[in-house]
């Protein structure tokens, strides 16, 4: 971990940089994977499963029998937990359904907007070092609420060619239509191009490593939309003198354990809390089963001592974290100062894990500084918004002169004539 005490503002841009792979090498690799999937379809995916995941898979599609059997492989307590999380996530995302509003902009001119579901969506679920069945909830629930006709899911198989039972159980619970055994950039290529088994989709959702993120960006060359550039996980904590070092350390490590390319940032205005949190992080790190990933992530992470909370929030807005935790006494008064963050957790008891699993908000969030210009996934991510308008004869008479003048001023006389011919 990198420790910085009262760094000058000129050094902040260096401190907010993310660890990244070389872009050129990444682009070349992704292009090769897309070409291979386009050329050889399912066979390419089977070969990639063997190469990248050491998995022998004969059939890419998960059978109905495997999906049905998943229920018997999960204990009842976990099923109840998944169902509780589903209730909360459904409740929060259902509140985002909007009513149609007819707006009369001019007498006789009525405009409105209606939602239509994106018909075919693809969900990518990381499943390598951590099978993220929670992400199935976060993506399939709003897709189902939006009314998406086809919800397909791709996730990497284990070395025995199986998919984690909790992923399959959750997929069935949330209305996923088909599940496929393929991961990484090749899964994104399959959902983009389509193969013998996997249908091509209109929009791809889901987090992943830098290869998955690069593949999602590349997919846009094929007129496929993506949710957000969601890459390696990250958290930034702002802590004052009333923060609890044990809690701060636990939150930092909860993100660091995602993978070696994750990043965590700790900002504090209190030197005692700052030093104790560093010690507590090192102590808790030793007890983690996944401490090898966390250790690597901490090498690219920063602990920064600053003078004021305002300064810390200025740093945070520059960094634009995926997750922002305010371990502050008067956190409410600082809410208006937050400009760039994927999701915010307020106070000592709002652990980031709550949002990851069961509070109800979505955990698919912008990373890598994209919180400056992207929102996290919501119900809106799964719909298109189509505008409608109806002009009565009176409406066109009321608005016609305005349109004619504007069209003529732009030199677009056919536009003007489309109005004039009706007004005659």
Protein backbone atom coordinates (compact mmCIF):
# COMPACT_ATOMS: atom_id res chain seq x y z
CA UNK A 1 0.00 0.00 0.00
CA UNK A 2 1.13 3.54 -0.76
CA UNK A 3 0.98 6.04 2.11
CA UNK A 4 0.77 9.77 1.41
CA UNK A 5 0.49 12.45 4.09
CA UNK A 6 -0.82 15.86 3.04
CA UNK A 7 0.06 15.53 -0.67
CA UNK A 8 0.05 18.72 -2.75
CA UNK A 9 -2.86 19.11 -5.17
CA UNK A 10 -0.48 18.97 -8.14
CA UNK A 11 0.22 15.32 -7.22
CA UNK A 12 -3.47 14.29 -7.04
CA UNK A 13 -3.81 13.36 -10.76
CA UNK A 14 -1.05 10.78 -10.25
CA UNK A 15 -2.75 9.40 -7.12
CA UNK A 16 -6.11 8.89 -8.86
CA UNK A 17 -4.68 6.80 -11.73
CA UNK A 18 -5.95 3.23 -12.02
CA UNK A 19 -3.69 0.23 -12.72
CA UNK A 20 -4.18 -0.68 -16.39
CA UNK A 21 -2.93 -3.19 -18.92
CA UNK A 22 -1.20 -1.94 -22.06
CA UNK A 23 -4.01 -0.85 -24.36
CA UNK A 24 -2.47 -1.96 -27.67
CA UNK A 25 -1.88 -5.53 -26.49
CA UNK A 26 -5.42 -5.69 -25.08
CA UNK A 27 -7.04 -4.50 -28.34
CA UNK A 28 -5.09 -7.02 -30.42
CA UNK A 29 -6.09 -9.89 -28.13
CA UNK A 30 -9.79 -8.91 -28.16
CA UNK A 31 -9.80 -8.59 -31.96
CA UNK A 32 -8.33 -12.09 -32.28
CA UNK A 33 -10.95 -13.55 -29.90
CA UNK A 34 -13.84 -11.91 -31.79
CA UNK A 35 -12.47 -13.16 -35.12
CA UNK A 36 -12.15 -16.69 -33.76
CA UNK A 37 -15.71 -16.73 -32.36
CA UNK A 38 -17.10 -15.29 -35.60
CA UNK A 39 -15.32 -17.97 -37.60
CA UNK A 40 -15.80 -21.07 -35.42
CA UNK A 41 -18.78 -20.32 -33.15
CA UNK A 42 -19.40 -22.87 -30.39
CA UNK A 43 -16.19 -24.76 -31.19
CA UNK A 44 -14.16 -21.61 -30.51
CA UNK A 45 -15.90 -21.23 -27.13
CA UNK A 46 -15.19 -24.87 -26.23
CA UNK A 47 -11.51 -24.34 -27.12
CA UNK A 48 -11.34 -21.10 -25.11
CA UNK A 49 -12.93 -22.87 -22.10
CA UNK A 50 -10.05 -25.34 -22.21
CA UNK A 51 -7.38 -22.68 -22.79
CA UNK A 52 -8.46 -20.04 -20.25
CA UNK A 53 -10.47 -22.01 -17.66
CA UNK A 54 -8.95 -25.49 -18.02
CA UNK A 55 -12.52 -26.74 -18.44
CA UNK A 56 -13.65 -29.61 -20.66
CA UNK A 57 -17.12 -28.72 -21.94
CA UNK A 58 -19.04 -30.63 -24.62
CA UNK A 59 -22.23 -28.56 -24.70
CA UNK A 60 -22.10 -24.79 -24.28
CA UNK A 61 -25.75 -24.52 -23.16
CA UNK A 62 -26.63 -25.48 -19.59
CA UNK A 63 -29.32 -28.17 -19.68
CA UNK A 64 -32.73 -27.92 -18.01
CA UNK A 65 -31.68 -30.84 -15.83
CA UNK A 66 -28.61 -28.95 -14.55
CA UNK A 67 -30.74 -25.90 -13.78
CA UNK A 68 -33.41 -27.94 -11.97
CA UNK A 69 -30.78 -29.87 -10.01
CA UNK A 70 -29.11 -26.65 -8.77
CA UNK A 71 -31.87 -26.23 -6.20
CA UNK A 72 -30.79 -29.45 -4.47
CA UNK A 73 -27.18 -28.31 -4.22
CA UNK A 74 -27.85 -25.18 -2.15
CA UNK A 75 -28.70 -25.11 1.52
CA UNK A 76 -32.02 -23.66 2.67
CA UNK A 77 -30.42 -20.75 4.54
CA UNK A 78 -28.73 -19.49 1.37
CA UNK A 79 -31.98 -19.88 -0.59
CA UNK A 80 -33.81 -17.75 2.00
CA UNK A 81 -31.01 -15.12 1.85
CA UNK A 82 -31.19 -14.98 -1.95
CA UNK A 83 -34.98 -14.64 -1.83
CA UNK A 84 -34.76 -11.82 0.75
CA UNK A 85 -32.24 -9.97 -1.42
CA UNK A 86 -34.54 -10.51 -4.43
CA UNK A 87 -37.45 -8.92 -2.53
CA UNK A 88 -35.43 -5.80 -1.64
CA UNK A 89 -33.90 -5.39 -5.10
CA UNK A 90 -37.34 -5.86 -6.70
CA UNK A 91 -38.89 -3.31 -4.33
CA UNK A 92 -36.24 -0.66 -5.08
CA UNK A 93 -36.24 -1.20 -8.86
CA UNK A 94 -40.06 -1.38 -9.09
CA UNK A 95 -40.15 2.17 -7.71
CA UNK A 96 -38.36 3.28 -10.90
CA UNK A 97 -41.34 2.38 -13.12
CA UNK A 98 -42.79 5.68 -14.39
CA UNK A 99 -46.28 6.61 -15.53
CA UNK A 100 -46.93 8.07 -18.98
CA UNK A 101 -47.44 11.85 -18.87
CA UNK A 102 -49.26 13.60 -21.71
CA UNK A 103 -47.91 17.15 -22.06
CA UNK A 104 -49.79 19.74 -24.11
CA UNK A 105 -46.91 21.98 -25.21
CA UNK A 106 -49.16 24.22 -27.34
CA UNK A 107 -52.94 24.06 -27.60
CA UNK A 108 -53.67 21.09 -29.87
CA UNK A 109 -50.10 19.71 -29.64
CA UNK A 110 -49.69 16.77 -27.25
CA UNK A 111 -46.33 15.04 -26.61
CA UNK A 112 -45.52 12.07 -24.41
CA UNK A 113 -42.94 9.34 -23.86
CA UNK A 114 -43.37 5.59 -23.44
CA UNK A 115 -40.95 2.86 -22.37
CA UNK A 116 -40.32 -0.25 -24.44
CA UNK A 117 -38.15 -3.11 -23.17
CA UNK A 118 -34.94 -4.00 -24.98
CA UNK A 119 -36.08 -7.31 -26.44
CA UNK A 120 -32.84 -9.33 -26.19
CA UNK A 121 -30.32 -8.71 -23.41
CA UNK A 122 -27.20 -10.59 -22.42
CA UNK A 123 -25.90 -10.83 -18.87
CA UNK A 124 -22.28 -11.60 -18.12
CA UNK A 125 -21.58 -13.09 -14.69
CA UNK A 126 -17.96 -13.47 -13.54
CA UNK A 127 -17.51 -16.94 -12.12
CA UNK A 128 -13.80 -17.62 -11.95
CA UNK A 129 -12.30 -16.80 -8.57
CA UNK A 130 -15.68 -15.69 -7.15
CA UNK A 131 -19.00 -16.89 -8.64
CA UNK A 132 -21.05 -13.68 -8.44
CA UNK A 133 -24.61 -15.00 -8.19
CA UNK A 134 -25.52 -11.66 -6.58
CA UNK A 135 -24.93 -10.03 -9.98
CA UNK A 136 -27.62 -12.30 -11.45
CA UNK A 137 -30.09 -10.66 -9.05
CA UNK A 138 -28.85 -7.17 -9.93
CA UNK A 139 -29.26 -7.65 -13.68
CA UNK A 140 -32.01 -10.23 -14.22
CA UNK A 141 -34.49 -8.56 -11.81
CA UNK A 142 -34.63 -5.17 -13.60
CA UNK A 143 -34.55 -6.97 -16.98
CA UNK A 144 -37.60 -8.99 -15.93
CA UNK A 145 -39.36 -5.91 -14.50
CA UNK A 146 -38.70 -4.04 -17.76
CA UNK A 147 -40.26 -6.89 -19.75
CA UNK A 148 -37.21 -8.02 -21.76
CA UNK A 149 -38.34 -10.96 -23.92
CA UNK A 150 -35.03 -12.82 -23.94
CA UNK A 151 -32.55 -12.75 -21.04
CA UNK A 152 -29.49 -14.88 -21.70
CA UNK A 153 -26.64 -15.44 -19.28
CA UNK A 154 -22.99 -16.36 -19.89
CA UNK A 155 -20.61 -17.40 -17.11
CA UNK A 156 -17.36 -19.38 -17.08
CA UNK A 157 -17.48 -23.07 -16.07
CA UNK A 158 -15.29 -24.60 -13.36
CA UNK A 159 -12.59 -27.18 -14.18
CA UNK A 160 -15.25 -29.94 -14.21
CA UNK A 161 -17.29 -28.05 -16.79
CA UNK A 162 -20.02 -27.10 -14.28
CA UNK A 163 -21.62 -23.79 -13.38
CA UNK A 164 -21.88 -22.77 -9.74
CA UNK A 165 -25.24 -24.00 -8.36
CA UNK A 166 -26.08 -20.64 -6.74
CA UNK A 167 -25.73 -18.90 -10.13
CA UNK A 168 -28.10 -21.42 -11.75
CA UNK A 169 -30.60 -21.28 -8.89
CA UNK A 170 -30.67 -17.47 -8.94
CA UNK A 171 -30.94 -17.39 -12.75
CA UNK A 172 -34.03 -19.61 -12.62
CA UNK A 173 -35.51 -17.57 -9.76
CA UNK A 174 -35.12 -14.32 -11.74
CA UNK A 175 -36.45 -15.40 -15.13
CA UNK A 176 -33.25 -15.93 -17.12
CA UNK A 177 -34.24 -17.76 -20.32
CA UNK A 178 -30.95 -19.54 -21.22
CA UNK A 179 -27.58 -20.06 -19.52
CA UNK A 180 -24.29 -20.76 -21.31
CA UNK A 181 -20.91 -22.09 -20.17
CA UNK A 182 -18.49 -19.50 -21.47
CA UNK A 183 -16.61 -16.65 -19.83
CA UNK A 184 -14.22 -13.80 -20.47
CA UNK A 185 -13.95 -11.79 -23.68
CA UNK A 186 -15.12 -14.82 -25.69
CA UNK A 187 -18.52 -14.75 -23.92
CA UNK A 188 -18.94 -11.09 -24.87
CA UNK A 189 -17.98 -11.95 -28.47
CA UNK A 190 -20.57 -14.78 -28.51
CA UNK A 191 -23.38 -12.54 -27.25
CA UNK A 192 -22.37 -9.87 -29.78
CA UNK A 193 -22.04 -12.07 -32.87
CA UNK A 194 -24.20 -15.07 -31.99
CA UNK A 195 -23.12 -18.71 -32.40
CA UNK A 196 -24.98 -21.96 -33.16
CA UNK A 197 -26.16 -22.06 -29.52
CA UNK A 198 -25.96 -18.47 -28.27
CA UNK A 199 -28.29 -15.85 -29.77
CA UNK A 200 -26.86 -12.42 -30.47
CA UNK A 201 -28.32 -9.74 -28.19
CA UNK A 202 -29.04 -6.00 -28.43
CA UNK A 203 -27.37 -4.96 -25.16
CA UNK A 204 -24.78 -6.57 -22.88
CA UNK A 205 -24.66 -6.13 -19.12
CA UNK A 206 -22.31 -7.19 -16.36
CA UNK A 207 -18.97 -6.53 -14.71
CA UNK A 208 -15.68 -8.25 -15.37
CA UNK A 209 -11.92 -7.92 -15.56
CA UNK A 210 -10.11 -5.68 -18.02
CA UNK A 211 -10.48 -8.24 -20.82
CA UNK A 212 -14.26 -8.33 -20.38
CA UNK A 213 -14.46 -4.51 -20.26
CA UNK A 214 -12.34 -4.21 -23.42
CA UNK A 215 -14.53 -6.82 -25.15
CA UNK A 216 -17.69 -4.90 -24.21
CA UNK A 217 -16.21 -1.72 -25.64
CA UNK A 218 -15.27 -3.63 -28.82
CA UNK A 219 -18.82 -5.05 -29.08
CA UNK A 220 -20.10 -1.54 -29.75
CA UNK A 221 -18.44 -1.73 -33.19
CA UNK A 222 -21.14 -4.30 -34.03
CA UNK A 223 -24.08 -2.04 -33.02
CA UNK A 224 -24.46 -3.78 -29.67
CA UNK A 225 -25.01 -1.50 -26.68
CA UNK A 226 -23.43 -2.00 -23.27
CA UNK A 227 -24.52 -1.00 -19.80
CA UNK A 228 -21.42 0.82 -18.52
CA UNK A 229 -17.65 0.40 -18.67
CA UNK A 230 -17.63 -1.61 -15.44
CA UNK A 231 -14.18 -2.98 -14.74
CA UNK A 232 -12.22 -4.00 -11.65
CA UNK A 233 -13.92 -3.09 -8.38
CA UNK A 234 -12.95 -0.08 -6.28
CA UNK A 235 -13.90 1.76 -3.11
CA UNK A 236 -12.95 5.12 -1.64
CA UNK A 237 -13.50 5.86 2.07
CA UNK A 238 -13.54 9.32 3.65
CA UNK A 239 -13.06 9.07 7.43
CA UNK A 240 -12.91 11.64 10.22
CA UNK A 241 -12.11 11.29 13.93
CA UNK A 242 -15.29 9.31 14.73
CA UNK A 243 -14.67 6.60 12.10
CA UNK A 244 -14.01 3.06 13.36
CA UNK A 245 -10.70 1.71 11.98
CA UNK A 246 -11.85 -1.94 12.12
CA UNK A 247 -14.88 -1.12 9.98
CA UNK A 248 -12.86 0.97 7.50
CA UNK A 249 -10.26 -1.79 7.10
CA UNK A 250 -12.98 -4.42 6.56
CA UNK A 251 -14.60 -2.29 3.84
CA UNK A 252 -11.26 -1.70 2.10
CA UNK A 253 -10.49 -5.41 2.09
CA UNK A 254 -14.00 -6.34 0.93
CA UNK A 255 -13.16 -4.65 -2.37
CA UNK A 256 -9.47 -5.61 -2.50
CA UNK A 257 -10.40 -9.32 -2.35
CA UNK A 258 -12.33 -9.05 -5.65
CA UNK A 259 -9.12 -9.39 -7.62
CA UNK A 260 -5.52 -8.32 -7.98
CA UNK A 261 -6.54 -5.47 -10.33
CA UNK A 262 -9.00 -3.95 -7.82
CA UNK A 263 -8.09 -0.68 -6.11
CA UNK A 264 -8.97 0.86 -2.74
CA UNK A 265 -8.41 4.41 -1.50
CA UNK A 266 -8.54 5.55 2.13
CA UNK A 267 -8.75 9.28 2.89
CA UNK A 268 -8.71 10.55 6.46
CA UNK A 269 -8.52 13.90 8.21
CA UNK A 270 -7.42 12.33 11.51
CA UNK A 271 -3.88 10.96 11.89
CA UNK A 272 -4.80 8.55 14.71
CA UNK A 273 -7.64 6.98 12.67
CA UNK A 274 -5.35 6.99 9.61
CA UNK A 275 -2.56 5.02 11.33
CA UNK A 276 -4.92 2.64 13.12
CA UNK A 277 -6.74 1.83 9.88
CA UNK A 278 -3.43 0.96 8.16
CA UNK A 279 -2.53 -1.38 11.06
CA UNK A 280 -6.02 -2.91 11.10
CA UNK A 281 -5.93 -3.49 7.33
CA UNK A 282 -2.62 -5.38 7.63
CA UNK A 283 -4.02 -7.40 10.56
CA UNK A 284 -7.30 -8.37 8.87
CA UNK A 285 -5.49 -9.14 5.61
CA UNK A 286 -3.70 -12.10 7.22
CA UNK A 287 -7.04 -13.69 8.17
CA UNK A 288 -8.58 -13.57 4.67
CA UNK A 289 -8.88 -16.78 2.62
CA UNK A 290 -8.42 -14.67 -0.55
CA UNK A 291 -5.55 -12.61 0.84
CA UNK A 292 -3.31 -13.21 -2.21
CA UNK A 293 -5.72 -11.16 -4.38
CA UNK A 294 -6.11 -8.52 -1.68
CA UNK A 295 -2.32 -8.22 -1.23
CA UNK A 296 -1.87 -7.55 -4.95
CA UNK A 297 -4.72 -5.02 -4.97
CA UNK A 298 -3.21 -3.18 -1.98
CA UNK A 299 0.03 -2.65 -3.92
CA UNK A 300 -1.91 -0.32 -6.24
CA UNK A 301 -3.91 1.29 -3.41
CA UNK A 302 -3.45 4.58 -1.57
CA UNK A 303 -3.83 5.72 2.03
CA UNK A 304 -3.93 9.52 2.01
CA UNK A 305 -3.98 11.91 4.98
CA UNK A 306 -5.66 15.24 4.19
CA UNK A 307 -6.42 18.37 6.20
CA UNK A 308 -10.19 18.75 5.80
CA UNK A 309 -13.27 16.76 4.76
CA UNK A 310 -13.92 19.31 2.00
CA UNK A 311 -10.45 18.58 0.61
CA UNK A 312 -11.13 14.83 0.83
CA UNK A 313 -14.40 15.21 -1.10
CA UNK A 314 -12.62 17.28 -3.75
CA UNK A 315 -10.12 14.40 -4.10
CA UNK A 316 -12.99 11.90 -4.22
CA UNK A 317 -14.80 13.81 -6.99
CA UNK A 318 -11.57 13.79 -9.01
CA UNK A 319 -11.18 10.02 -8.47
CA UNK A 320 -14.92 9.35 -9.11
CA UNK A 321 -15.14 6.05 -7.19
CA UNK A 322 -17.42 3.14 -7.94
CA UNK A 323 -18.25 2.93 -4.20
CA UNK A 324 -17.90 5.89 -1.84
CA UNK A 325 -18.16 5.44 1.93
CA UNK A 326 -18.54 8.51 4.15
CA UNK A 327 -17.44 7.40 7.62
CA UNK A 328 -18.16 10.91 8.88
CA UNK A 329 -19.94 12.35 11.89
CA UNK A 330 -22.18 14.75 9.96
CA UNK A 331 -22.38 12.82 6.70
CA UNK A 332 -25.76 14.35 5.69
CA UNK A 333 -24.30 17.83 5.32
CA UNK A 334 -21.68 16.56 2.85
CA UNK A 335 -24.17 14.84 0.50
CA UNK A 336 -24.61 17.93 -1.75
CA UNK A 337 -20.83 18.06 -2.28
CA UNK A 338 -20.71 14.59 -3.85
CA UNK A 339 -20.54 15.03 -7.63
CA UNK A 340 -18.97 11.82 -8.92
CA UNK A 341 -19.67 8.39 -7.40
CA UNK A 342 -21.40 5.19 -8.46
CA UNK A 343 -23.08 4.46 -5.11
CA UNK A 344 -22.67 6.15 -1.71
CA UNK A 345 -22.74 4.58 1.77
CA UNK A 346 -23.36 6.90 4.71
CA UNK A 347 -22.15 6.42 8.29
CA UNK A 348 -20.30 3.71 10.18
CA UNK A 349 -22.94 1.01 9.71
CA UNK A 350 -23.56 1.39 5.96
CA UNK A 351 -21.05 -1.22 4.84
CA UNK A 352 -20.46 -1.46 1.11
CA UNK A 353 -21.38 -5.17 1.25
CA UNK A 354 -25.01 -4.15 1.93
CA UNK A 355 -25.23 -2.60 -1.54
CA UNK A 356 -23.36 -5.53 -3.06
CA UNK A 357 -25.98 -8.01 -1.88
CA UNK A 358 -29.25 -7.07 -0.35
CA UNK A 359 -30.11 -3.45 0.53
CA UNK A 360 -31.91 -3.03 -2.81
CA UNK A 361 -29.69 -0.69 -4.85
CA UNK A 362 -27.86 -2.03 -7.89
CA UNK A 363 -24.22 -3.04 -7.55
CA UNK A 364 -23.39 -2.84 -11.27
CA UNK A 365 -21.67 0.52 -11.19
CA UNK A 366 -19.25 2.66 -13.23
CA UNK A 367 -15.56 2.19 -12.39
CA UNK A 368 -12.26 3.57 -13.65
CA UNK A 369 -13.43 7.18 -13.28
CA UNK A 370 -16.55 6.69 -15.41
CA UNK A 371 -18.73 7.78 -12.47
CA UNK A 372 -18.03 11.27 -13.85
CA UNK A 373 -20.33 10.57 -16.79
CA UNK A 374 -22.20 7.28 -16.22
CA UNK A 375 -24.86 6.12 -13.78
CA UNK A 376 -25.09 2.65 -12.31
CA UNK A 377 -27.48 0.09 -13.79
CA UNK A 378 -31.18 0.70 -13.10
CA UNK A 379 -34.54 -0.20 -14.62
CA UNK A 380 -33.90 2.53 -17.23
CA UNK A 381 -30.90 0.55 -18.48
CA UNK A 382 -33.24 -2.15 -19.83
CA UNK A 383 -35.71 0.07 -21.67
CA UNK A 384 -35.76 2.43 -24.62
CA UNK A 385 -37.78 5.61 -24.30
CA UNK A 386 -39.84 6.47 -27.38
CA UNK A 387 -41.42 9.90 -27.80
CA UNK A 388 -44.88 10.33 -29.35
CA UNK A 389 -46.78 13.39 -30.51
CA UNK A 390 -50.19 14.19 -31.89
CA UNK A 391 -51.04 17.49 -33.58
CA UNK A 392 -54.68 18.30 -34.26
CA UNK A 393 -55.58 20.63 -37.13
CA UNK A 394 -55.82 23.45 -34.58
CA UNK A 395 -52.45 22.41 -33.11
CA UNK A 396 -50.69 22.70 -36.48
CA UNK A 397 -52.34 26.07 -37.09
CA UNK A 398 -51.06 27.29 -33.72
CA UNK A 399 -47.49 26.02 -34.25
CA UNK A 400 -47.19 26.13 -38.06
CA UNK A 401 -45.81 29.67 -38.47
CA UNK A 402 -43.04 28.94 -35.93
CA UNK A 403 -41.95 25.81 -37.83
CA UNK A 404 -42.10 27.57 -41.24
CA UNK A 405 -39.92 30.45 -40.08
CA UNK A 406 -37.32 28.16 -38.51
CA UNK A 407 -37.18 25.79 -41.52
CA UNK A 408 -36.80 28.69 -43.96
CA UNK A 409 -34.02 30.25 -41.85
CA UNK A 410 -32.14 26.94 -42.08
CA UNK A 411 -32.67 26.78 -45.84
CA UNK A 412 -34.73 23.57 -45.56
CA UNK A 413 -37.69 24.44 -47.78
CA UNK A 414 -39.06 20.89 -48.01
CA UNK A 415 -39.41 20.99 -44.22
CA UNK A 416 -41.30 24.28 -44.52
CA UNK A 417 -43.52 22.91 -47.30
CA UNK A 418 -44.56 19.90 -45.17
CA UNK A 419 -46.23 22.46 -42.90
CA UNK A 420 -47.40 24.97 -45.55
CA UNK A 421 -49.16 22.31 -47.65
CA UNK A 422 -51.28 21.40 -44.62
CA UNK A 423 -52.09 24.99 -43.68
CA UNK A 424 -53.42 25.90 -47.17
